[in-house]
PDB file of N, CA and C in Angstrom:
ATOM      1  N   UNK A   1     152.266 117.406  83.695  1.00  0.00           N
ATOM      2  CA  UNK A   1     150.983 117.412  84.347  1.00  0.00           C
ATOM      3  C   UNK A   1     150.511 115.985  84.612  1.00  0.00           C
ATOM      4  N   UNK A   2     150.930 115.065  83.748  1.00  0.00           N
ATOM      5  CA  UNK A   2     150.557 113.678  83.967  1.00  0.00           C
ATOM      6  C   UNK A   2     151.212 113.148  85.241  1.00  0.00           C
ATOM      7  N   UNK A   3     152.478 113.506  85.453  1.00  0.00           N
ATOM      8  CA  UNK A   3     153.186 113.033  86.652  1.00  0.00           C
ATOM      9  C   UNK A   3     152.562 113.556  87.928  1.00  0.00           C
ATOM     10  N   UNK A   4     151.936 114.739  87.860  1.00  0.00           N
ATOM     11  CA  UNK A   4     151.298 115.328  89.030  1.00  0.00           C
ATOM     12  C   UNK A   4     149.889 114.789  89.253  1.00  0.00           C
ATOM     13  N   UNK A   5     149.438 113.904  88.359  1.00  0.00           N
ATOM     14  CA  UNK A   5     148.114 113.322  88.490  1.00  0.00           C
ATOM     15  C   UNK A   5     146.996 114.226  87.997  1.00  0.00           C
ATOM     16  N   UNK A   6     147.359 115.268  87.226  1.00  0.00           N
ATOM     17  CA  UNK A   6     146.357 116.186  86.719  1.00  0.00           C
ATOM     18  C   UNK A   6     145.765 115.723  85.390  1.00  0.00           C
ATOM     19  N   UNK A   7     146.468 114.830  84.698  1.00  0.00           N
ATOM     20  CA  UNK A   7     145.998 114.282  83.432  1.00  0.00           C
ATOM     21  C   UNK A   7     146.138 112.771  83.453  1.00  0.00           C
ATOM     22  N   UNK A   8     145.325 112.062  82.657  1.00  0.00           N
ATOM     23  CA  UNK A   8     145.464 110.602  82.589  1.00  0.00           C
ATOM     24  C   UNK A   8     146.833 110.202  82.039  1.00  0.00           C
ATOM     25  N   UNK A   9     147.295 109.008  82.401  1.00  0.00           N
ATOM     26  CA  UNK A   9     148.620 108.542  81.997  1.00  0.00           C
ATOM     27  C   UNK A   9     148.775 108.489  80.489  1.00  0.00           C
ATOM     28  N   UNK A  10     147.738 108.111  79.762  1.00  0.00           N
ATOM     29  CA  UNK A  10     147.855 107.970  78.312  1.00  0.00           C
ATOM     30  C   UNK A  10     148.128 109.300  77.615  1.00  0.00           C
ATOM     31  N   UNK A  11     147.768 110.415  78.246  1.00  0.00           N
ATOM     32  CA  UNK A  11     148.009 111.728  77.653  1.00  0.00           C
ATOM     33  C   UNK A  11     149.502 112.031  77.614  1.00  0.00           C
ATOM     34  N   UNK A  12     150.241 111.506  78.550  1.00  0.00           N
ATOM     35  CA  UNK A  12     151.667 111.770  78.621  1.00  0.00           C
ATOM     36  C   UNK A  12     152.509 110.745  77.901  1.00  0.00           C
ATOM     37  N   UNK A  13     151.927 110.001  76.971  1.00  0.00           N
ATOM     38  CA  UNK A  13     152.672 108.965  76.257  1.00  0.00           C
ATOM     39  C   UNK A  13     153.802 109.579  75.442  1.00  0.00           C
ATOM     40  N   UNK A  14     154.955 108.945  75.504  1.00  0.00           N
ATOM     41  CA  UNK A  14     156.114 109.379  74.726  1.00  0.00           C
ATOM     42  C   UNK A  14     156.662 108.191  73.960  1.00  0.00           C
ATOM     43  N   UNK A  15     157.340 108.494  72.865  1.00  0.00           N
ATOM     44  CA  UNK A  15     157.944 107.452  72.052  1.00  0.00           C
ATOM     45  C   UNK A  15     159.115 106.805  72.771  1.00  0.00           C
ATOM     46  N   UNK A  16     159.287 105.514  72.577  1.00  0.00           N
ATOM     47  CA  UNK A  16     160.346 104.765  73.263  1.00  0.00           C
ATOM     48  C   UNK A  16     161.734 105.173  72.781  1.00  0.00           C
ATOM     49  N   UNK A  17     161.869 105.490  71.514  1.00  0.00           N
ATOM     50  CA  UNK A  17     163.193 105.765  70.959  1.00  0.00           C
ATOM     51  C   UNK A  17     163.746 107.126  71.362  1.00  0.00           C
ATOM     52  N   UNK A  18     162.943 108.169  71.240  1.00  0.00           N
ATOM     53  CA  UNK A  18     163.439 109.527  71.487  1.00  0.00           C
ATOM     54  C   UNK A  18     162.832 110.204  72.701  1.00  0.00           C
ATOM     55  N   UNK A  19     161.784 109.620  73.271  1.00  0.00           N
ATOM     56  CA  UNK A  19     161.129 110.234  74.416  1.00  0.00           C
ATOM     57  C   UNK A  19     160.314 111.461  74.052  1.00  0.00           C
ATOM     58  N   UNK A  20     159.961 111.604  72.778  1.00  0.00           N
ATOM     59  CA  UNK A  20     159.180 112.751  72.331  1.00  0.00           C
ATOM     60  C   UNK A  20     157.690 112.446  72.420  1.00  0.00           C
ATOM     61  N   UNK A  21     156.851 113.487  72.467  1.00  0.00           N
ATOM     62  CA  UNK A  21     155.408 113.246  72.559  1.00  0.00           C
ATOM     63  C   UNK A  21     154.905 112.418  71.380  1.00  0.00           C
ATOM     64  N   UNK A  22     153.971 111.532  71.660  1.00  0.00           N
ATOM     65  CA  UNK A  22     153.368 110.709  70.624  1.00  0.00           C
ATOM     66  C   UNK A  22     152.163 111.444  70.064  1.00  0.00           C
ATOM     67  N   UNK A  23     152.060 111.470  68.757  1.00  0.00           N
ATOM     68  CA  UNK A  23     150.920 112.130  68.123  1.00  0.00           C
ATOM     69  C   UNK A  23     151.362 113.330  67.321  1.00  0.00           C
ATOM     70  N   UNK A  24     150.645 113.609  66.243  1.00  0.00           N
ATOM     71  CA  UNK A  24     151.018 114.681  65.330  1.00  0.00           C
ATOM     72  C   UNK A  24     150.917 116.065  65.931  1.00  0.00           C
ATOM     73  N   UNK A  25     150.050 116.257  66.883  1.00  0.00           N
ATOM     74  CA  UNK A  25     149.849 117.585  67.455  1.00  0.00           C
ATOM     75  C   UNK A  25     150.836 117.873  68.582  1.00  0.00           C
ATOM     76  N   UNK A  26     151.701 116.929  68.901  1.00  0.00           N
ATOM     77  CA  UNK A  26     152.636 117.123  70.009  1.00  0.00           C
ATOM     78  C   UNK A  26     153.542 118.321  69.822  1.00  0.00           C
ATOM     79  N   UNK A  27     154.134 118.438  68.640  1.00  0.00           N
ATOM     80  CA  UNK A  27     155.025 119.567  68.371  1.00  0.00           C
ATOM     81  C   UNK A  27     154.300 120.890  68.409  1.00  0.00           C
ATOM     82  N   UNK A  28     153.119 120.927  67.836  1.00  0.00           N
ATOM     83  CA  UNK A  28     152.316 122.142  67.852  1.00  0.00           C
ATOM     84  C   UNK A  28     151.908 122.484  69.284  1.00  0.00           C
ATOM     85  N   UNK A  29     151.583 121.466  70.057  1.00  0.00           N
ATOM     86  CA  UNK A  29     151.229 121.694  71.461  1.00  0.00           C
ATOM     87  C   UNK A  29     152.374 122.280  72.256  1.00  0.00           C
ATOM     88  N   UNK A  30     153.587 121.802  71.990  1.00  0.00           N
ATOM     89  CA  UNK A  30     154.762 122.339  72.686  1.00  0.00           C
ATOM     90  C   UNK A  30     154.968 123.801  72.320  1.00  0.00           C
ATOM     91  N   UNK A  31     154.835 124.113  71.024  1.00  0.00           N
ATOM     92  CA  UNK A  31     154.963 125.510  70.608  1.00  0.00           C
ATOM     93  C   UNK A  31     153.892 126.375  71.259  1.00  0.00           C
ATOM     94  N   UNK A  32     152.693 125.834  71.374  1.00  0.00           N
ATOM     95  CA  UNK A  32     151.615 126.589  72.009  1.00  0.00           C
ATOM     96  C   UNK A  32     151.913 126.857  73.481  1.00  0.00           C
ATOM     97  N   UNK A  33     152.649 125.989  74.128  1.00  0.00           N
ATOM     98  CA  UNK A  33     153.020 126.219  75.526  1.00  0.00           C
ATOM     99  C   UNK A  33     154.114 127.272  75.659  1.00  0.00           C
ATOM    100  N   UNK A  34     154.941 127.404  74.634  1.00  0.00           N
ATOM    101  CA  UNK A  34     156.043 128.354  74.703  1.00  0.00           C
ATOM    102  C   UNK A  34     155.569 129.805  74.599  1.00  0.00           C
ATOM    103  N   UNK A  35     154.462 130.047  73.902  1.00  0.00           N
ATOM    104  CA  UNK A  35     153.951 131.419  73.772  1.00  0.00           C
ATOM    105  C   UNK A  35     153.524 131.985  75.134  1.00  0.00           C
ATOM    106  N   UNK A  36     152.650 131.292  75.890  1.00  0.00           N
ATOM    107  CA  UNK A  36     152.298 131.863  77.193  1.00  0.00           C
ATOM    108  C   UNK A  36     153.479 131.907  78.163  1.00  0.00           C
ATOM    109  N   UNK A  37     154.449 131.026  77.971  1.00  0.00           N
ATOM    110  CA  UNK A  37     155.647 131.083  78.808  1.00  0.00           C
ATOM    111  C   UNK A  37     156.399 132.383  78.562  1.00  0.00           C
ATOM    112  N   UNK A  38     156.560 132.750  77.294  1.00  0.00           N
ATOM    113  CA  UNK A  38     157.235 134.009  76.967  1.00  0.00           C
ATOM    114  C   UNK A  38     156.450 135.197  77.513  1.00  0.00           C
ATOM    115  N   UNK A  39     155.133 135.129  77.404  1.00  0.00           N
ATOM    116  CA  UNK A  39     154.291 136.211  77.942  1.00  0.00           C
ATOM    117  C   UNK A  39     154.404 136.279  79.461  1.00  0.00           C
ATOM    118  N   UNK A  40     154.487 135.116  80.104  1.00  0.00           N
ATOM    119  CA  UNK A  40     154.625 135.085  81.569  1.00  0.00           C
ATOM    120  C   UNK A  40     155.944 135.710  82.016  1.00  0.00           C
ATOM    121  N   UNK A  41     156.991 135.510  81.234  1.00  0.00           N
ATOM    122  CA  UNK A  41     158.289 136.115  81.573  1.00  0.00           C
ATOM    123  C   UNK A  41     158.173 137.635  81.542  1.00  0.00           C
ATOM    124  N   UNK A  42     157.565 138.155  80.488  1.00  0.00           N
ATOM    125  CA  UNK A  42     157.370 139.605  80.386  1.00  0.00           C
ATOM    126  C   UNK A  42     156.537 140.102  81.568  1.00  0.00           C
ATOM    127  N   UNK A  43     155.462 139.408  81.870  1.00  0.00           N
ATOM    128  CA  UNK A  43     154.582 139.798  82.969  1.00  0.00           C
ATOM    129  C   UNK A  43     155.316 139.783  84.307  1.00  0.00           C
ATOM    130  N   UNK A  44     156.116 138.764  84.539  1.00  0.00           N
ATOM    131  CA  UNK A  44     156.823 138.625  85.815  1.00  0.00           C
ATOM    132  C   UNK A  44     157.823 139.764  86.027  1.00  0.00           C
ATOM    133  N   UNK A  45     158.554 140.110  84.969  1.00  0.00           N
ATOM    134  CA  UNK A  45     159.614 141.107  85.101  1.00  0.00           C
ATOM    135  C   UNK A  45     159.155 142.528  84.770  1.00  0.00           C
ATOM    136  N   UNK A  46     157.871 142.736  84.445  1.00  0.00           N
ATOM    137  CA  UNK A  46     157.404 144.039  83.991  1.00  0.00           C
ATOM    138  C   UNK A  46     157.691 145.158  84.999  1.00  0.00           C
ATOM    139  N   UNK A  47     157.401 144.931  86.269  1.00  0.00           N
ATOM    140  CA  UNK A  47     157.576 145.983  87.279  1.00  0.00           C
ATOM    141  C   UNK A  47     158.952 145.960  87.933  1.00  0.00           C
ATOM    142  N   UNK A  48     159.565 144.800  88.016  1.00  0.00           N
ATOM    143  CA  UNK A  48     160.868 144.683  88.668  1.00  0.00           C
ATOM    144  C   UNK A  48     161.749 143.748  87.841  1.00  0.00           C
ATOM    145  N   UNK A  49     162.709 144.318  87.158  1.00  0.00           N
ATOM    146  CA  UNK A  49     163.576 143.509  86.285  1.00  0.00           C
ATOM    147  C   UNK A  49     164.619 142.726  87.068  1.00  0.00           C
ATOM    148  N   UNK A  50     164.701 142.962  88.364  1.00  0.00           N
ATOM    149  CA  UNK A  50     165.615 142.235  89.249  1.00  0.00           C
ATOM    150  C   UNK A  50     167.071 142.286  88.769  1.00  0.00           C
ATOM    151  N   UNK A  51     167.450 143.417  88.245  1.00  0.00           N
ATOM    152  CA  UNK A  51     168.824 143.621  87.825  1.00  0.00           C
ATOM    153  C   UNK A  51     169.144 143.163  86.410  1.00  0.00           C
ATOM    154  N   UNK A  52     168.195 142.551  85.734  1.00  0.00           N
ATOM    155  CA  UNK A  52     168.423 142.107  84.359  1.00  0.00           C
ATOM    156  C   UNK A  52     168.121 143.249  83.398  1.00  0.00           C
ATOM    157  N   UNK A  53     168.718 143.205  82.233  1.00  0.00           N
ATOM    158  CA  UNK A  53     168.505 144.259  81.244  1.00  0.00           C
ATOM    159  C   UNK A  53     167.101 144.178  80.658  1.00  0.00           C
ATOM    160  N   UNK A  54     166.622 145.327  80.200  1.00  0.00           N
ATOM    161  CA  UNK A  54     165.310 145.409  79.562  1.00  0.00           C
ATOM    162  C   UNK A  54     165.241 144.468  78.356  1.00  0.00           C
ATOM    163  N   UNK A  55     166.301 144.431  77.591  1.00  0.00           N
ATOM    164  CA  UNK A  55     166.323 143.578  76.398  1.00  0.00           C
ATOM    165  C   UNK A  55     166.172 142.107  76.761  1.00  0.00           C
ATOM    166  N   UNK A  56     166.758 141.700  77.857  1.00  0.00           N
ATOM    167  CA  UNK A  56     166.749 140.281  78.238  1.00  0.00           C
ATOM    168  C   UNK A  56     165.403 139.815  78.785  1.00  0.00           C
ATOM    169  N   UNK A  57     164.742 140.646  79.575  1.00  0.00           N
ATOM    170  CA  UNK A  57     163.544 140.170  80.276  1.00  0.00           C
ATOM    171  C   UNK A  57     162.227 140.737  79.749  1.00  0.00           C
ATOM    172  N   UNK A  58     162.281 141.711  78.869  1.00  0.00           N
ATOM    173  CA  UNK A  58     161.051 142.266  78.307  1.00  0.00           C
ATOM    174  C   UNK A  58     161.049 142.146  76.781  1.00  0.00           C
ATOM    175  N   UNK A  59     162.042 142.720  76.141  1.00  0.00           N
ATOM    176  CA  UNK A  59     162.049 142.792  74.683  1.00  0.00           C
ATOM    177  C   UNK A  59     162.209 141.411  74.038  1.00  0.00           C
ATOM    178  N   UNK A  60     163.212 140.639  74.455  1.00  0.00           N
ATOM    179  CA  UNK A  60     163.442 139.325  73.837  1.00  0.00           C
ATOM    180  C   UNK A  60     162.260 138.363  74.035  1.00  0.00           C
ATOM    181  N   UNK A  61     161.707 138.253  75.251  1.00  0.00           N
ATOM    182  CA  UNK A  61     160.548 137.367  75.396  1.00  0.00           C
ATOM    183  C   UNK A  61     159.327 137.842  74.609  1.00  0.00           C
ATOM    184  N   UNK A  62     159.130 139.146  74.502  1.00  0.00           N
ATOM    185  CA  UNK A  62     157.995 139.663  73.727  1.00  0.00           C
ATOM    186  C   UNK A  62     158.170 139.333  72.249  1.00  0.00           C
ATOM    187  N   UNK A  63     159.370 139.509  71.729  1.00  0.00           N
ATOM    188  CA  UNK A  63     159.643 139.142  70.336  1.00  0.00           C
ATOM    189  C   UNK A  63     159.461 137.638  70.149  1.00  0.00           C
ATOM    190  N   UNK A  64     159.887 136.860  71.127  1.00  0.00           N
ATOM    191  CA  UNK A  64     159.719 135.404  71.054  1.00  0.00           C
ATOM    192  C   UNK A  64     158.248 135.015  70.991  1.00  0.00           C
ATOM    193  N   UNK A  65     157.425 135.649  71.812  1.00  0.00           N
ATOM    194  CA  UNK A  65     156.000 135.325  71.821  1.00  0.00           C
ATOM    195  C   UNK A  65     155.384 135.581  70.455  1.00  0.00           C
ATOM    196  N   UNK A  66     155.695 136.728  69.873  1.00  0.00           N
ATOM    197  CA  UNK A  66     155.167 137.048  68.549  1.00  0.00           C
ATOM    198  C   UNK A  66     155.781 136.119  67.503  1.00  0.00           C
ATOM    199  N   UNK A  67     157.081 135.892  67.609  1.00  0.00           N
ATOM    200  CA  UNK A  67     157.767 135.026  66.660  1.00  0.00           C
ATOM    201  C   UNK A  67     157.276 133.592  66.686  1.00  0.00           C
ATOM    202  N   UNK A  68     156.791 133.131  67.809  1.00  0.00           N
ATOM    203  CA  UNK A  68     156.213 131.785  67.910  1.00  0.00           C
ATOM    204  C   UNK A  68     154.745 131.778  67.494  1.00  0.00           C
ATOM    205  N   UNK A  69     154.024 132.843  67.803  1.00  0.00           N
ATOM    206  CA  UNK A  69     152.592 132.884  67.497  1.00  0.00           C
ATOM    207  C   UNK A  69     152.328 132.891  65.999  1.00  0.00           C
ATOM    208  N   UNK A  70     153.169 133.565  65.234  1.00  0.00           N
ATOM    209  CA  UNK A  70     152.955 133.654  63.790  1.00  0.00           C
ATOM    210  C   UNK A  70     153.042 132.277  63.125  1.00  0.00           C
ATOM    211  N   UNK A  71     154.114 131.511  63.313  1.00  0.00           N
ATOM    212  CA  UNK A  71     154.138 130.192  62.668  1.00  0.00           C
ATOM    213  C   UNK A  71     153.078 129.234  63.205  1.00  0.00           C
ATOM    214  N   UNK A  72     152.698 129.395  64.464  1.00  0.00           N
ATOM    215  CA  UNK A  72     151.623 128.552  65.008  1.00  0.00           C
ATOM    216  C   UNK A  72     150.327 128.850  64.255  1.00  0.00           C
ATOM    217  N   UNK A  73     150.025 130.132  64.085  1.00  0.00           N
ATOM    218  CA  UNK A  73     148.810 130.507  63.354  1.00  0.00           C
ATOM    219  C   UNK A  73     148.868 129.998  61.919  1.00  0.00           C
ATOM    220  N   UNK A  74     150.024 130.104  61.292  1.00  0.00           N
ATOM    221  CA  UNK A  74     150.160 129.603  59.929  1.00  0.00           C
ATOM    222  C   UNK A  74     149.991 128.084  59.872  1.00  0.00           C
ATOM    223  N   UNK A  75     150.595 127.391  60.815  1.00  0.00           N
ATOM    224  CA  UNK A  75     150.481 125.925  60.837  1.00  0.00           C
ATOM    225  C   UNK A  75     149.035 125.493  61.038  1.00  0.00           C
ATOM    226  N   UNK A  76     148.342 126.178  61.928  1.00  0.00           N
ATOM    227  CA  UNK A  76     146.951 125.808  62.201  1.00  0.00           C
ATOM    228  C   UNK A  76     146.040 126.155  61.021  1.00  0.00           C
ATOM    229  N   UNK A  77     146.339 127.238  60.326  1.00  0.00           N
ATOM    230  CA  UNK A  77     145.494 127.630  59.197  1.00  0.00           C
ATOM    231  C   UNK A  77     145.778 126.799  57.947  1.00  0.00           C
ATOM    232  N   UNK A  78     146.923 126.150  57.904  1.00  0.00           N
ATOM    233  CA  UNK A  78     147.303 125.360  56.732  1.00  0.00           C
ATOM    234  C   UNK A  78     147.388 123.866  57.040  1.00  0.00           C
ATOM    235  N   UNK A  79     146.585 123.403  57.976  1.00  0.00           N
ATOM    236  CA  UNK A  79     146.623 121.986  58.366  1.00  0.00           C
ATOM    237  C   UNK A  79     146.309 121.050  57.211  1.00  0.00           C
ATOM    238  N   UNK A  80     145.595 121.533  56.198  1.00  0.00           N
ATOM    239  CA  UNK A  80     145.249 120.665  55.077  1.00  0.00           C
ATOM    240  C   UNK A  80     146.464 120.271  54.244  1.00  0.00           C
ATOM    241  N   UNK A  81     147.542 121.038  54.316  1.00  0.00           N
ATOM    242  CA  UNK A  81     148.731 120.692  53.530  1.00  0.00           C
ATOM    243  C   UNK A  81     149.395 119.400  54.008  1.00  0.00           C
ATOM    244  N   UNK A  82     149.722 119.256  55.286  1.00  0.00           N
ATOM    245  CA  UNK A  82     150.348 117.991  55.697  1.00  0.00           C
ATOM    246  C   UNK A  82     149.370 116.821  55.819  1.00  0.00           C
ATOM    247  N   UNK A  83     148.098 117.118  56.066  1.00  0.00           N
ATOM    248  CA  UNK A  83     147.145 116.023  56.280  1.00  0.00           C
ATOM    249  C   UNK A  83     146.401 115.630  55.015  1.00  0.00           C
ATOM    250  N   UNK A  84     146.306 116.545  54.049  1.00  0.00           N
ATOM    251  CA  UNK A  84     145.530 116.321  52.821  1.00  0.00           C
ATOM    252  C   UNK A  84     144.092 115.933  53.151  1.00  0.00           C
ATOM    253  N   UNK A  85     143.587 116.451  54.245  1.00  0.00           N
ATOM    254  CA  UNK A  85     142.228 116.140  54.697  1.00  0.00           C
ATOM    255  C   UNK A  85     141.375 117.393  54.607  1.00  0.00           C
ATOM    256  N   UNK A  86     140.053 117.210  54.516  1.00  0.00           N
ATOM    257  CA  UNK A  86     139.162 118.379  54.467  1.00  0.00           C
ATOM    258  C   UNK A  86     139.104 119.115  55.812  1.00  0.00           C
ATOM    259  N   UNK A  87     138.520 120.312  55.775  1.00  0.00           N
ATOM    260  CA  UNK A  87     138.436 121.182  56.955  1.00  0.00           C
ATOM    261  C   UNK A  87     137.919 120.545  58.224  1.00  0.00           C
ATOM    262  N   UNK A  88     136.795 119.803  58.182  1.00  0.00           N
ATOM    263  CA  UNK A  88     136.279 119.218  59.422  1.00  0.00           C
ATOM    264  C   UNK A  88     137.253 118.224  60.076  1.00  0.00           C
ATOM    265  N   UNK A  89     137.983 117.490  59.267  1.00  0.00           N
ATOM    266  CA  UNK A  89     138.961 116.547  59.818  1.00  0.00           C
ATOM    267  C   UNK A  89     140.081 117.313  60.507  1.00  0.00           C
ATOM    268  N   UNK A  90     140.547 118.365  59.881  1.00  0.00           N
ATOM    269  CA  UNK A  90     141.610 119.167  60.479  1.00  0.00           C
ATOM    270  C   UNK A  90     141.141 119.862  61.751  1.00  0.00           C
ATOM    271  N   UNK A  91     139.901 120.311  61.760  1.00  0.00           N
ATOM    272  CA  UNK A  91     139.340 120.908  62.977  1.00  0.00           C
ATOM    273  C   UNK A  91     139.304 119.872  64.096  1.00  0.00           C
ATOM    274  N   UNK A  92     138.947 118.643  63.743  1.00  0.00           N
ATOM    275  CA  UNK A  92     138.919 117.574  64.746  1.00  0.00           C
ATOM    276  C   UNK A  92     140.318 117.266  65.258  1.00  0.00           C
ATOM    277  N   UNK A  93     141.327 117.415  64.402  1.00  0.00           N
ATOM    278  CA  UNK A  93     142.704 117.189  64.842  1.00  0.00           C
ATOM    279  C   UNK A  93     143.177 118.282  65.792  1.00  0.00           C
ATOM    280  N   UNK A  94     142.695 119.490  65.590  1.00  0.00           N
ATOM    281  CA  UNK A  94     143.103 120.613  66.443  1.00  0.00           C
ATOM    282  C   UNK A  94     142.266 120.728  67.713  1.00  0.00           C
ATOM    283  N   UNK A  95     141.112 120.106  67.734  1.00  0.00           N
ATOM    284  CA  UNK A  95     140.219 120.196  68.890  1.00  0.00           C
ATOM    285  C   UNK A  95     140.872 119.735  70.200  1.00  0.00           C
ATOM    286  N   UNK A  96     141.642 118.637  70.204  1.00  0.00           N
ATOM    287  CA  UNK A  96     142.283 118.248  71.480  1.00  0.00           C
ATOM    288  C   UNK A  96     143.211 119.319  72.041  1.00  0.00           C
ATOM    289  N   UNK A  97     143.838 120.092  71.165  1.00  0.00           N
ATOM    290  CA  UNK A  97     144.717 121.165  71.647  1.00  0.00           C
ATOM    291  C   UNK A  97     143.884 122.226  72.354  1.00  0.00           C
ATOM    292  N   UNK A  98     142.760 122.584  71.772  1.00  0.00           N
ATOM    293  CA  UNK A  98     141.878 123.564  72.406  1.00  0.00           C
ATOM    294  C   UNK A  98     141.333 123.036  73.730  1.00  0.00           C
ATOM    295  N   UNK A  99     140.944 121.775  73.741  1.00  0.00           N
ATOM    296  CA  UNK A  99     140.444 121.162  74.977  1.00  0.00           C
ATOM    297  C   UNK A  99     141.532 121.159  76.045  1.00  0.00           C
ATOM    298  N   UNK A 100     142.762 120.825  75.642  1.00  0.00           N
ATOM    299  CA  UNK A 100     143.874 120.816  76.596  1.00  0.00           C
ATOM    300  C   UNK A 100     144.148 122.217  77.136  1.00  0.00           C
ATOM    301  N   UNK A 101     144.028 123.223  76.273  1.00  0.00           N
ATOM    302  CA  UNK A 101     144.232 124.603  76.713  1.00  0.00           C
ATOM    303  C   UNK A 101     143.204 124.994  77.762  1.00  0.00           C
ATOM    304  N   UNK A 102     141.947 124.735  77.477  1.00  0.00           N
ATOM    305  CA  UNK A 102     140.884 125.066  78.426  1.00  0.00           C
ATOM    306  C   UNK A 102     141.069 124.281  79.722  1.00  0.00           C
ATOM    307  N   UNK A 103     141.387 122.989  79.596  1.00  0.00           N
ATOM    308  CA  UNK A 103     141.609 122.160  80.790  1.00  0.00           C
ATOM    309  C   UNK A 103     142.770 122.703  81.612  1.00  0.00           C
ATOM    310  N   UNK A 104     143.839 123.075  80.941  1.00  0.00           N
ATOM    311  CA  UNK A 104     145.001 123.621  81.647  1.00  0.00           C
ATOM    312  C   UNK A 104     144.683 124.895  82.394  1.00  0.00           C
ATOM    313  N   UNK A 105     143.895 125.766  81.772  1.00  0.00           N
ATOM    314  CA  UNK A 105     143.501 127.001  82.451  1.00  0.00           C
ATOM    315  C   UNK A 105     142.645 126.708  83.674  1.00  0.00           C
ATOM    316  N   UNK A 106     141.727 125.760  83.546  1.00  0.00           N
ATOM    317  CA  UNK A 106     140.881 125.406  84.693  1.00  0.00           C
ATOM    318  C   UNK A 106     141.698 124.781  85.822  1.00  0.00           C
ATOM    319  N   UNK A 107     142.642 123.918  85.468  1.00  0.00           N
ATOM    320  CA  UNK A 107     143.510 123.302  86.481  1.00  0.00           C
ATOM    321  C   UNK A 107     144.366 124.365  87.163  1.00  0.00           C
ATOM    322  N   UNK A 108     144.895 125.309  86.371  1.00  0.00           N
ATOM    323  CA  UNK A 108     145.709 126.379  86.952  1.00  0.00           C
ATOM    324  C   UNK A 108     144.901 127.216  87.936  1.00  0.00           C
ATOM    325  N   UNK A 109     143.663 127.520  87.565  1.00  0.00           N
ATOM    326  CA  UNK A 109     142.809 128.275  88.485  1.00  0.00           C
ATOM    327  C   UNK A 109     142.540 127.488  89.759  1.00  0.00           C
ATOM    328  N   UNK A 110     142.303 126.185  89.613  1.00  0.00           N
ATOM    329  CA  UNK A 110     142.060 125.345  90.786  1.00  0.00           C
ATOM    330  C   UNK A 110     143.303 125.288  91.680  1.00  0.00           C
ATOM    331  N   UNK A 111     144.471 125.126  91.075  1.00  0.00           N
ATOM    332  CA  UNK A 111     145.708 125.086  91.862  1.00  0.00           C
ATOM    333  C   UNK A 111     145.978 126.431  92.523  1.00  0.00           C
ATOM    334  N   UNK A 112     145.674 127.503  91.812  1.00  0.00           N
ATOM    335  CA  UNK A 112     145.897 128.832  92.377  1.00  0.00           C
ATOM    336  C   UNK A 112     145.017 129.048  93.603  1.00  0.00           C
ATOM    337  N   UNK A 113     143.765 128.638  93.505  1.00  0.00           N
ATOM    338  CA  UNK A 113     142.866 128.767  94.659  1.00  0.00           C
ATOM    339  C   UNK A 113     143.361 127.923  95.832  1.00  0.00           C
ATOM    340  N   UNK A 114     143.879 126.761  95.526  1.00  0.00           N
ATOM    341  CA  UNK A 114     144.365 125.853  96.566  1.00  0.00           C
ATOM    342  C   UNK A 114     145.612 126.415  97.242  1.00  0.00           C
ATOM    343  N   UNK A 115     146.446 127.116  96.477  1.00  0.00           N
ATOM    344  CA  UNK A 115     147.718 127.610  97.022  1.00  0.00           C
ATOM    345  C   UNK A 115     147.635 129.002  97.601  1.00  0.00           C
ATOM    346  N   UNK A 116     146.502 129.670  97.473  1.00  0.00           N
ATOM    347  CA  UNK A 116     146.387 131.022  98.043  1.00  0.00           C
ATOM    348  C   UNK A 116     146.607 130.933  99.542  1.00  0.00           C
ATOM    349  N   UNK A 117     147.506 131.755 100.017  1.00  0.00           N
ATOM    350  CA  UNK A 117     147.783 131.757 101.447  1.00  0.00           C
ATOM    351  C   UNK A 117     148.948 130.841 101.824  1.00  0.00           C
ATOM    352  N   UNK A 118     149.436 130.044 100.884  1.00  0.00           N
ATOM    353  CA  UNK A 118     150.569 129.160 101.148  1.00  0.00           C
ATOM    354  C   UNK A 118     151.829 129.929 100.795  1.00  0.00           C
ATOM    355  N   UNK A 119     152.739 130.087 101.727  1.00  0.00           N
ATOM    356  CA  UNK A 119     153.981 130.800 101.441  1.00  0.00           C
ATOM    357  C   UNK A 119     154.950 129.876 100.731  1.00  0.00           C
ATOM    358  N   UNK A 120     155.771 130.477  99.860  1.00  0.00           N
ATOM    359  CA  UNK A 120     156.744 129.689  99.090  1.00  0.00           C
ATOM    360  C   UNK A 120     158.111 129.793  99.671  1.00  0.00           C
TER     361      UNK A 120
END
């Protein structure tokens, strides 16, 4: 999203050595993106599997979404273990993820409105 100019450059900062996201919430943020991706796969193939098996395009992505959501919920509820910080500090650490989620939804809606009527 940073490359598309939808987010400031500093948001897309990556480490020089491995190219991974900078910041403790990066891994959790990536996992949070994988859940709606799995749900989107199920949604896309729900009415027309396009020749793929039910297990491949409905069952496996649905299990993946649940399988990813559970550890995410556990990680978010147990933030005090790795940080050794009180609740308000951990809430402040998770707040950027929530802000990014809301921002992403708003950007998606804006892009969708812009692309309505554009053939692919």
